[in-house]
Protein backbone atom coordinates (compact mmCIF):
# COMPACT_ATOMS: atom_id res chain seq x y z
CA UNK A 1 -44.78 -35.80 6.45
CA UNK A 2 -46.34 -35.58 9.86
CA UNK A 3 -47.14 -32.32 11.61
CA UNK A 4 -48.06 -31.51 15.21
CA UNK A 5 -51.75 -31.21 16.05
CA UNK A 6 -53.56 -28.84 18.43
CA UNK A 7 -54.01 -29.99 22.02
CA UNK A 8 -57.82 -30.23 21.72
CA UNK A 9 -57.41 -32.55 18.73
CA UNK A 10 -54.74 -34.61 20.51
CA UNK A 11 -57.05 -35.33 23.46
CA UNK A 12 -59.76 -36.66 21.16
CA UNK A 13 -57.24 -38.58 19.05
CA UNK A 14 -56.04 -40.29 22.25
CA UNK A 15 -59.59 -41.31 23.13
CA UNK A 16 -60.13 -42.76 19.66
CA UNK A 17 -56.73 -44.51 19.77
CA UNK A 18 -57.68 -46.18 23.07
CA UNK A 19 -60.82 -47.56 21.46
CA UNK A 20 -59.76 -48.41 17.88
CA UNK A 21 -55.95 -48.55 17.79
CA UNK A 22 -54.99 -49.62 14.21
CA UNK A 23 -58.50 -50.84 13.33
CA UNK A 24 -60.67 -49.09 10.78
CA UNK A 25 -63.79 -47.30 12.00
CA UNK A 26 -66.63 -45.21 10.61
CA UNK A 27 -67.69 -41.67 11.35
CA UNK A 28 -70.67 -43.03 13.27
CA UNK A 29 -68.45 -45.20 15.46
CA UNK A 30 -66.25 -42.20 16.24
CA UNK A 31 -69.31 -40.11 17.01
CA UNK A 32 -70.53 -42.79 19.42
CA UNK A 33 -67.15 -42.78 21.18
CA UNK A 34 -66.97 -38.96 21.30
CA UNK A 35 -70.53 -38.53 22.59
CA UNK A 36 -70.09 -34.95 23.74
CA UNK A 37 -69.03 -33.66 20.29
CA UNK A 38 -71.36 -32.71 17.48
CA UNK A 39 -70.85 -33.88 13.89
CA UNK A 40 -69.35 -30.60 12.73
CA UNK A 41 -66.63 -30.60 15.37
CA UNK A 42 -65.76 -34.22 14.63
CA UNK A 43 -65.47 -33.31 10.93
CA UNK A 44 -63.12 -30.43 11.78
CA UNK A 45 -61.07 -32.73 14.02
CA UNK A 46 -60.83 -35.38 11.28
CA UNK A 47 -59.74 -32.72 8.80
CA UNK A 48 -57.01 -31.54 11.20
CA UNK A 49 -55.82 -35.12 11.75
CA UNK A 50 -55.85 -35.95 8.05
CA UNK A 51 -53.98 -32.80 7.04
CA UNK A 52 -51.37 -33.40 9.74
CA UNK A 53 -50.82 -37.01 8.66
CA UNK A 54 -52.33 -38.64 11.76
CA UNK A 55 -55.38 -40.15 10.04
CA UNK A 56 -55.92 -42.18 6.86
CA UNK A 57 -59.22 -41.96 5.02
CA UNK A 58 -60.51 -44.55 2.54
CA UNK A 59 -63.81 -45.35 0.90
CA UNK A 60 -65.85 -48.17 2.40
CA UNK A 61 -65.81 -51.38 0.37
CA UNK A 62 -69.47 -52.05 1.21
CA UNK A 63 -70.78 -48.55 0.45
CA UNK A 64 -68.53 -46.23 -1.54
CA UNK A 65 -70.50 -43.22 -0.34
CA UNK A 66 -69.09 -43.78 3.14
CA UNK A 67 -65.58 -43.34 4.41
CA UNK A 68 -63.59 -45.51 6.81
CA UNK A 69 -60.88 -44.04 8.98
CA UNK A 70 -57.68 -45.50 10.38
CA UNK A 71 -55.53 -43.77 12.96
CA UNK A 72 -51.78 -43.77 12.53
CA UNK A 73 -49.80 -45.22 15.42
CA UNK A 74 -48.71 -42.41 17.81
CA UNK A 75 -45.31 -44.04 18.42
CA UNK A 76 -44.62 -44.06 14.68
CA UNK A 77 -45.77 -40.45 14.42
CA UNK A 78 -43.35 -39.36 17.16
CA UNK A 79 -40.53 -41.21 15.37
CA UNK A 80 -41.38 -39.48 12.07
CA UNK A 81 -41.45 -36.06 13.75
CA UNK A 82 -38.15 -36.84 15.46
CA UNK A 83 -36.58 -37.90 12.15
CA UNK A 84 -37.94 -34.81 10.38
CA UNK A 85 -36.46 -32.48 13.02
CA UNK A 86 -33.03 -34.14 12.94
CA UNK A 87 -32.87 -33.70 9.13
CA UNK A 88 -33.27 -29.91 9.44
């Protein structure tokens, strides 16, 4: 299930999507792309995205202490939301 996200999260998601698309990335890579945000705000944003179904989180194969992130395609998300609303 996919849920809507707040506007402030959407703007940052869009910036990350422009850079990474379907590719996996680390927290550090996201932080580099979102230079103006501190680590805590990025963590909150990732939590919002994950809980809403917009972000997948996995453990790194090289270092299991680290996580790798993959954004879900926004077109697919819109389709899922559309399908969910037509079912109700």
